[in-house]
Amino acid sequence: MENEIVKYLSKYISLSEELTNILVESSIIKSFKKGTILLREGEISNESYLVLKGCLRSYLLRDGEEKTLEFYTEEQPVAPINYGKGIPSEYYMECIEDSLLTVNTPEHENEMFRKYPQFESICRIMSEIFMATYQESLVTYKLTTPEERYLNLLKTRPDLIQRVPQYQLASYLGVKPESLSRIKKRLSKK
């Protein structure tokens, strides 16, 4: 699985053989079972991840109801909002499939930056990509109807339809499960 990290990063930056070896040797890879809660509301977030295999979900609890914020699948970085800042989290992060993740901590990252300055460039590039994706997602959500959001999901992340429970997909799209069923039924008739 170490090769997955190199393959992912190679999409964004040229890696020397030395840097590739350092990445493989220094990566912390852990397996997590489906249902594992990686972060709870009120906990301090001291870990970030790269999904090598599996699916994670971030969500809030509001008035006893789960509100899905995001799904993270293969080759997606996961950095909780308050990662490394010592501020309690406002949301949960859970594995909704058995997952294989790289695990980073601020201490590990700082050590890597100190030893290998080129890692700062890699992290900056990854942060820029992550932010652009997040901003695009936010704009799409704000400017589209639930039906348009569902169609966009089918186009951009069709794997989620089979991997994620319908009630979580509905929450992610900002609708109730019954509304998602009506949207799907209406679209099937077109």
C-alpha atoms as a PDB file:
ATOM      1  CA  MET A   1       0.000   0.000   0.000  1.00  0.00           C
ATOM      2  CA  GLU A   2       2.987   2.307   0.391  1.00  0.00           C
ATOM      3  CA  ASN A   3       3.079   2.442  -3.412  1.00  0.00           C
ATOM      4  CA  GLU A   4      -0.426   3.969  -3.336  1.00  0.00           C
ATOM      5  CA  ILE A   5       0.968   6.994  -1.499  1.00  0.00           C
ATOM      6  CA  VAL A   6       3.728   7.420  -4.067  1.00  0.00           C
ATOM      7  CA  LYS A   7       1.270   6.933  -6.947  1.00  0.00           C
ATOM      8  CA  TYR A   8      -1.092   9.531  -5.471  1.00  0.00           C
ATOM      9  CA  LEU A   9       1.596  12.149  -4.793  1.00  0.00           C
ATOM     10  CA  SER A  10       3.219  11.564  -8.191  1.00  0.00           C
ATOM     11  CA  LYS A  11       0.069  12.967  -9.800  1.00  0.00           C
ATOM     12  CA  TYR A  12       0.894  16.369  -8.320  1.00  0.00           C
ATOM     13  CA  ILE A  13       4.666  16.537  -7.894  1.00  0.00           C
ATOM     14  CA  SER A  14       7.745  14.880  -9.351  1.00  0.00           C
ATOM     15  CA  LEU A  15       9.270  12.539  -6.767  1.00  0.00           C
ATOM     16  CA  SER A  16      12.935  11.630  -6.797  1.00  0.00           C
ATOM     17  CA  GLU A  17      13.965   8.091  -5.902  1.00  0.00           C
ATOM     18  CA  GLU A  18      15.296   9.384  -2.576  1.00  0.00           C
ATOM     19  CA  LEU A  19      12.032  11.158  -1.792  1.00  0.00           C
ATOM     20  CA  THR A  20      10.044   8.085  -2.811  1.00  0.00           C
ATOM     21  CA  ASN A  21      12.067   5.913  -0.414  1.00  0.00           C
ATOM     22  CA  ILE A  22      11.654   8.444   2.404  1.00  0.00           C
ATOM     23  CA  LEU A  23       7.896   8.542   1.835  1.00  0.00           C
ATOM     24  CA  VAL A  24       7.579   4.765   1.894  1.00  0.00           C
ATOM     25  CA  GLU A  25       9.757   4.406   5.009  1.00  0.00           C
ATOM     26  CA  SER A  26       8.154   7.218   6.994  1.00  0.00           C
ATOM     27  CA  SER A  27       4.486   6.602   6.234  1.00  0.00           C
ATOM     28  CA  ILE A  28       2.326   5.367   9.076  1.00  0.00           C
ATOM     29  CA  ILE A  29      -0.398   3.106   7.685  1.00  0.00           C
ATOM     30  CA  LYS A  30      -3.215   1.752   9.850  1.00  0.00           C
ATOM     31  CA  SER A  31      -6.301  -0.394   9.295  1.00  0.00           C
ATOM     32  CA  PHE A  32      -9.643   0.584  10.797  1.00  0.00           C
ATOM     33  CA  LYS A  33     -12.824  -1.484  10.962  1.00  0.00           C
ATOM     34  CA  LYS A  34     -16.166  -0.282   9.630  1.00  0.00           C
ATOM     35  CA  GLY A  35     -17.886   1.724  12.372  1.00  0.00           C
ATOM     36  CA  THR A  36     -14.660   3.020  13.933  1.00  0.00           C
ATOM     37  CA  ILE A  37     -15.063   6.594  15.139  1.00  0.00           C
ATOM     38  CA  LEU A  38     -11.829   8.442  14.355  1.00  0.00           C
ATOM     39  CA  LEU A  39     -12.959  11.737  15.869  1.00  0.00           C
ATOM     40  CA  ARG A  40     -15.834  12.713  18.157  1.00  0.00           C
ATOM     41  CA  GLU A  41     -17.436  16.067  18.758  1.00  0.00           C
ATOM     42  CA  GLY A  42     -15.521  17.788  21.564  1.00  0.00           C
ATOM     43  CA  GLU A  43     -12.272  15.872  20.980  1.00  0.00           C
ATOM     44  CA  ILE A  44      -9.049  17.532  19.891  1.00  0.00           C
ATOM     45  CA  SER A  45      -8.080  16.609  16.327  1.00  0.00           C
ATOM     46  CA  ASN A  46      -4.437  15.529  16.222  1.00  0.00           C
ATOM     47  CA  GLU A  47      -4.522  13.215  13.216  1.00  0.00           C
ATOM     48  CA  SER A  48      -4.975  13.728   9.494  1.00  0.00           C
ATOM     49  CA  TYR A  49      -5.363  10.941   6.955  1.00  0.00           C
ATOM     50  CA  LEU A  50      -5.023   9.888   3.359  1.00  0.00           C
ATOM     51  CA  VAL A  51      -7.544   7.224   2.366  1.00  0.00           C
ATOM     52  CA  LEU A  52      -5.758   4.344   0.671  1.00  0.00           C
ATOM     53  CA  LYS A  53      -8.777   2.035   0.799  1.00  0.00           C
ATOM     54  CA  GLY A  54     -12.258   2.486   2.229  1.00  0.00           C
ATOM     55  CA  CYS A  55     -14.689   5.284   2.936  1.00  0.00           C
ATOM     56  CA  LEU A  56     -14.922   7.845   5.757  1.00  0.00           C
ATOM     57  CA  ARG A  57     -17.765  10.182   6.622  1.00  0.00           C
ATOM     58  CA  SER A  58     -17.755  13.434   8.573  1.00  0.00           C
ATOM     59  CA  TYR A  59     -21.011  14.507  10.192  1.00  0.00           C
ATOM     60  CA  LEU A  60     -22.571  16.785  12.791  1.00  0.00           C
ATOM     61  CA  LEU A  61     -25.242  15.914  15.321  1.00  0.00           C
ATOM     62  CA  ARG A  62     -27.969  18.566  15.404  1.00  0.00           C
ATOM     63  CA  ASP A  63     -31.116  18.072  17.459  1.00  0.00           C
ATOM     64  CA  GLY A  64     -30.382  14.330  17.581  1.00  0.00           C
ATOM     65  CA  GLU A  65     -30.107  14.108  13.787  1.00  0.00           C
ATOM     66  CA  GLU A  66     -26.944  13.312  11.807  1.00  0.00           C
ATOM     67  CA  LYS A  67     -26.011  15.866   9.140  1.00  0.00           C
ATOM     68  CA  THR A  68     -23.444  14.433   6.735  1.00  0.00           C
ATOM     69  CA  LEU A  69     -20.797  16.953   5.722  1.00  0.00           C
ATOM     70  CA  GLU A  70     -18.548  14.907   3.446  1.00  0.00           C
ATOM     71  CA  PHE A  71     -17.487  11.461   2.278  1.00  0.00           C
ATOM     72  CA  TYR A  72     -13.825  10.621   1.722  1.00  0.00           C
ATOM     73  CA  THR A  73     -12.763   7.717  -0.478  1.00  0.00           C
ATOM     74  CA  GLU A  74      -9.570   6.422  -2.076  1.00  0.00           C
ATOM     75  CA  GLU A  75      -6.830   8.982  -2.716  1.00  0.00           C
ATOM     76  CA  GLN A  76      -8.581  11.716  -0.756  1.00  0.00           C
ATOM     77  CA  PRO A  77      -6.824  13.579   2.041  1.00  0.00           C
ATOM     78  CA  VAL A  78      -8.777  14.096   5.256  1.00  0.00           C
ATOM     79  CA  ALA A  79      -7.718  16.980   7.472  1.00  0.00           C
ATOM     80  CA  PRO A  80     -10.280  17.840  10.143  1.00  0.00           C
ATOM     81  CA  ILE A  81     -11.029  21.577  10.315  1.00  0.00           C
ATOM     82  CA  ASN A  82      -9.223  22.141  13.626  1.00  0.00           C
ATOM     83  CA  TYR A  83      -6.416  19.669  12.923  1.00  0.00           C
ATOM     84  CA  GLY A  84      -3.396  20.417  15.085  1.00  0.00           C
ATOM     85  CA  LYS A  85      -4.872  23.612  16.546  1.00  0.00           C
ATOM     86  CA  GLY A  86      -5.874  22.277  19.961  1.00  0.00           C
ATOM     87  CA  ILE A  87      -9.501  23.318  19.392  1.00  0.00           C
ATOM     88  CA  PRO A  88     -12.281  20.790  20.086  1.00  0.00           C
ATOM     89  CA  SER A  89     -13.980  19.326  17.034  1.00  0.00           C
ATOM     90  CA  GLU A  90     -17.566  20.227  16.231  1.00  0.00           C
ATOM     91  CA  TYR A  91     -18.172  17.062  14.255  1.00  0.00           C
ATOM     92  CA  TYR A  92     -17.547  13.310  14.032  1.00  0.00           C
ATOM     93  CA  MET A  93     -15.391  11.316  11.628  1.00  0.00           C
ATOM     94  CA  GLU A  94     -16.191   7.637  11.131  1.00  0.00           C
ATOM     95  CA  CYS A  95     -15.175   4.743   8.906  1.00  0.00           C
ATOM     96  CA  ILE A  96     -18.251   3.586   7.016  1.00  0.00           C
ATOM     97  CA  GLU A  97     -16.219   0.790   5.413  1.00  0.00           C
ATOM     98  CA  ASP A  98     -13.180  -1.145   6.560  1.00  0.00           C
ATOM     99  CA  SER A  99     -10.454   1.379   5.771  1.00  0.00           C
ATOM    100  CA  LEU A 100      -6.709   1.567   5.247  1.00  0.00           C
ATOM    101  CA  LEU A 101      -5.348   5.035   5.978  1.00  0.00           C
ATOM    102  CA  THR A 102      -2.076   6.847   6.255  1.00  0.00           C
ATOM    103  CA  VAL A 103      -2.031   8.636   9.592  1.00  0.00           C
ATOM    104  CA  ASN A 104      -0.191  11.883  10.209  1.00  0.00           C
ATOM    105  CA  THR A 105       0.201  14.043  13.285  1.00  0.00           C
ATOM    106  CA  PRO A 106       1.453  17.633  13.515  1.00  0.00           C
ATOM    107  CA  GLU A 107       4.584  16.349  15.281  1.00  0.00           C
ATOM    108  CA  HIS A 108       5.305  13.821  12.528  1.00  0.00           C
ATOM    109  CA  GLU A 109       4.718  16.438   9.840  1.00  0.00           C
ATOM    110  CA  ASN A 110       6.982  18.990  11.552  1.00  0.00           C
ATOM    111  CA  GLU A 111       9.734  16.401  11.879  1.00  0.00           C
ATOM    112  CA  MET A 112       9.412  15.553   8.169  1.00  0.00           C
ATOM    113  CA  PHE A 113       9.457  19.265   7.231  1.00  0.00           C
ATOM    114  CA  ARG A 114      12.597  19.767   9.317  1.00  0.00           C
ATOM    115  CA  LYS A 115      14.410  16.751   7.865  1.00  0.00           C
ATOM    116  CA  TYR A 116      13.086  17.038   4.317  1.00  0.00           C
ATOM    117  CA  PRO A 117      12.047  20.597   3.321  1.00  0.00           C
ATOM    118  CA  GLN A 118      10.573  19.338   0.040  1.00  0.00           C
ATOM    119  CA  PHE A 119       7.684  17.835   2.048  1.00  0.00           C
ATOM    120  CA  GLU A 120       6.411  21.345   2.743  1.00  0.00           C
ATOM    121  CA  SER A 121       5.958  21.802  -1.008  1.00  0.00           C
ATOM    122  CA  ILE A 122       4.061  18.523  -1.239  1.00  0.00           C
ATOM    123  CA  CYS A 123       1.765  19.516   1.639  1.00  0.00           C
ATOM    124  CA  ARG A 124       1.200  22.983   0.184  1.00  0.00           C
ATOM    125  CA  ILE A 125       0.217  21.513  -3.182  1.00  0.00           C
ATOM    126  CA  MET A 126      -2.099  19.002  -1.515  1.00  0.00           C
ATOM    127  CA  SER A 127      -3.673  21.782   0.587  1.00  0.00           C
ATOM    128  CA  GLU A 128      -4.313  23.886  -2.504  1.00  0.00           C
ATOM    129  CA  ILE A 129      -5.965  20.950  -4.287  1.00  0.00           C
ATOM    130  CA  PHE A 130      -8.045  20.119  -1.221  1.00  0.00           C
ATOM    131  CA  MET A 131      -9.208  23.737  -0.822  1.00  0.00           C
ATOM    132  CA  ALA A 132     -10.116  24.081  -4.506  1.00  0.00           C
ATOM    133  CA  THR A 133     -12.163  20.885  -4.349  1.00  0.00           C
ATOM    134  CA  TYR A 134     -13.878  22.025  -1.157  1.00  0.00           C
ATOM    135  CA  GLN A 135     -14.720  25.454  -2.592  1.00  0.00           C
ATOM    136  CA  GLU A 136     -16.117  23.917  -5.771  1.00  0.00           C
ATOM    137  CA  SER A 137     -18.251  21.554  -3.687  1.00  0.00           C
ATOM    138  CA  LEU A 138     -19.569  24.407  -1.551  1.00  0.00           C
ATOM    139  CA  VAL A 139     -20.462  26.563  -4.557  1.00  0.00           C
ATOM    140  CA  THR A 140     -22.202  23.636  -6.249  1.00  0.00           C
ATOM    141  CA  TYR A 141     -24.208  22.931  -3.089  1.00  0.00           C
ATOM    142  CA  LYS A 142     -25.281  26.558  -2.666  1.00  0.00           C
ATOM    143  CA  LEU A 143     -26.259  27.145  -6.295  1.00  0.00           C
ATOM    144  CA  THR A 144     -28.114  23.942  -7.155  1.00  0.00           C
ATOM    145  CA  THR A 145     -31.373  22.214  -6.309  1.00  0.00           C
ATOM    146  CA  PRO A 146     -31.379  18.852  -4.520  1.00  0.00           C
ATOM    147  CA  GLU A 147     -32.122  17.129  -7.834  1.00  0.00           C
ATOM    148  CA  GLU A 148     -29.183  18.887  -9.494  1.00  0.00           C
ATOM    149  CA  ARG A 149     -26.948  17.928  -6.541  1.00  0.00           C
ATOM    150  CA  TYR A 150     -27.998  14.292  -6.942  1.00  0.00           C
ATOM    151  CA  LEU A 151     -27.285  14.390 -10.696  1.00  0.00           C
ATOM    152  CA  ASN A 152     -23.907  15.986 -10.006  1.00  0.00           C
ATOM    153  CA  LEU A 153     -23.152  13.237  -7.476  1.00  0.00           C
ATOM    154  CA  LEU A 154     -24.039  10.597 -10.082  1.00  0.00           C
ATOM    155  CA  LYS A 155     -21.655  12.289 -12.510  1.00  0.00           C
ATOM    156  CA  THR A 156     -18.725  13.073 -10.204  1.00  0.00           C
ATOM    157  CA  ARG A 157     -18.858  10.358  -7.522  1.00  0.00           C
ATOM    158  CA  PRO A 158     -21.034   7.485  -8.779  1.00  0.00           C
ATOM    159  CA  ASP A 159     -19.275   5.003  -6.487  1.00  0.00           C
ATOM    160  CA  LEU A 160     -20.945   6.600  -3.454  1.00  0.00           C
ATOM    161  CA  ILE A 161     -24.394   5.486  -4.642  1.00  0.00           C
ATOM    162  CA  GLN A 162     -23.428   1.843  -4.008  1.00  0.00           C
ATOM    163  CA  ARG A 163     -21.110   2.376  -1.045  1.00  0.00           C
ATOM    164  CA  VAL A 164     -23.095   4.709   1.204  1.00  0.00           C
ATOM    165  CA  PRO A 165     -26.438   4.114   2.958  1.00  0.00           C
ATOM    166  CA  GLN A 166     -29.290   6.096   1.383  1.00  0.00           C
ATOM    167  CA  TYR A 167     -30.090   8.060   4.547  1.00  0.00           C
ATOM    168  CA  GLN A 168     -26.479   9.310   4.655  1.00  0.00           C
ATOM    169  CA  LEU A 169     -26.580  10.246   0.961  1.00  0.00           C
ATOM    170  CA  ALA A 170     -29.842  12.118   1.542  1.00  0.00           C
ATOM    171  CA  SER A 171     -28.309  14.045   4.431  1.00  0.00           C
ATOM    172  CA  TYR A 172     -25.246  14.859   2.317  1.00  0.00           C
ATOM    173  CA  LEU A 173     -27.517  16.229  -0.411  1.00  0.00           C
ATOM    174  CA  GLY A 174     -29.488  18.253   2.128  1.00  0.00           C
ATOM    175  CA  VAL A 175     -32.763  16.334   1.860  1.00  0.00           C
ATOM    176  CA  LYS A 176     -34.753  13.762   3.821  1.00  0.00           C
ATOM    177  CA  PRO A 177     -34.509  10.110   2.696  1.00  0.00           C
ATOM    178  CA  GLU A 178     -38.100  10.236   1.393  1.00  0.00           C
ATOM    179  CA  SER A 179     -37.216  13.233  -0.786  1.00  0.00           C
ATOM    180  CA  LEU A 180     -34.199  11.413  -2.208  1.00  0.00           C
ATOM    181  CA  SER A 181     -36.466   8.465  -3.064  1.00  0.00           C
ATOM    182  CA  ARG A 182     -38.855  10.829  -4.886  1.00  0.00           C
ATOM    183  CA  ILE A 183     -35.956  12.435  -6.784  1.00  0.00           C
ATOM    184  CA  LYS A 184     -34.657   9.025  -7.872  1.00  0.00           C
ATOM    185  CA  LYS A 185     -38.157   7.904  -8.903  1.00  0.00           C
ATOM    186  CA  ARG A 186     -38.760  11.108 -10.883  1.00  0.00           C
ATOM    187  CA  LEU A 187     -35.407  10.783 -12.664  1.00  0.00           C
ATOM    188  CA  SER A 188     -36.022   7.126 -13.523  1.00  0.00           C
ATOM    189  CA  LYS A 189     -39.166   8.168 -15.437  1.00  0.00           C
ATOM    190  CA  LYS A 190     -37.282  10.685 -17.601  1.00  0.00           C
END
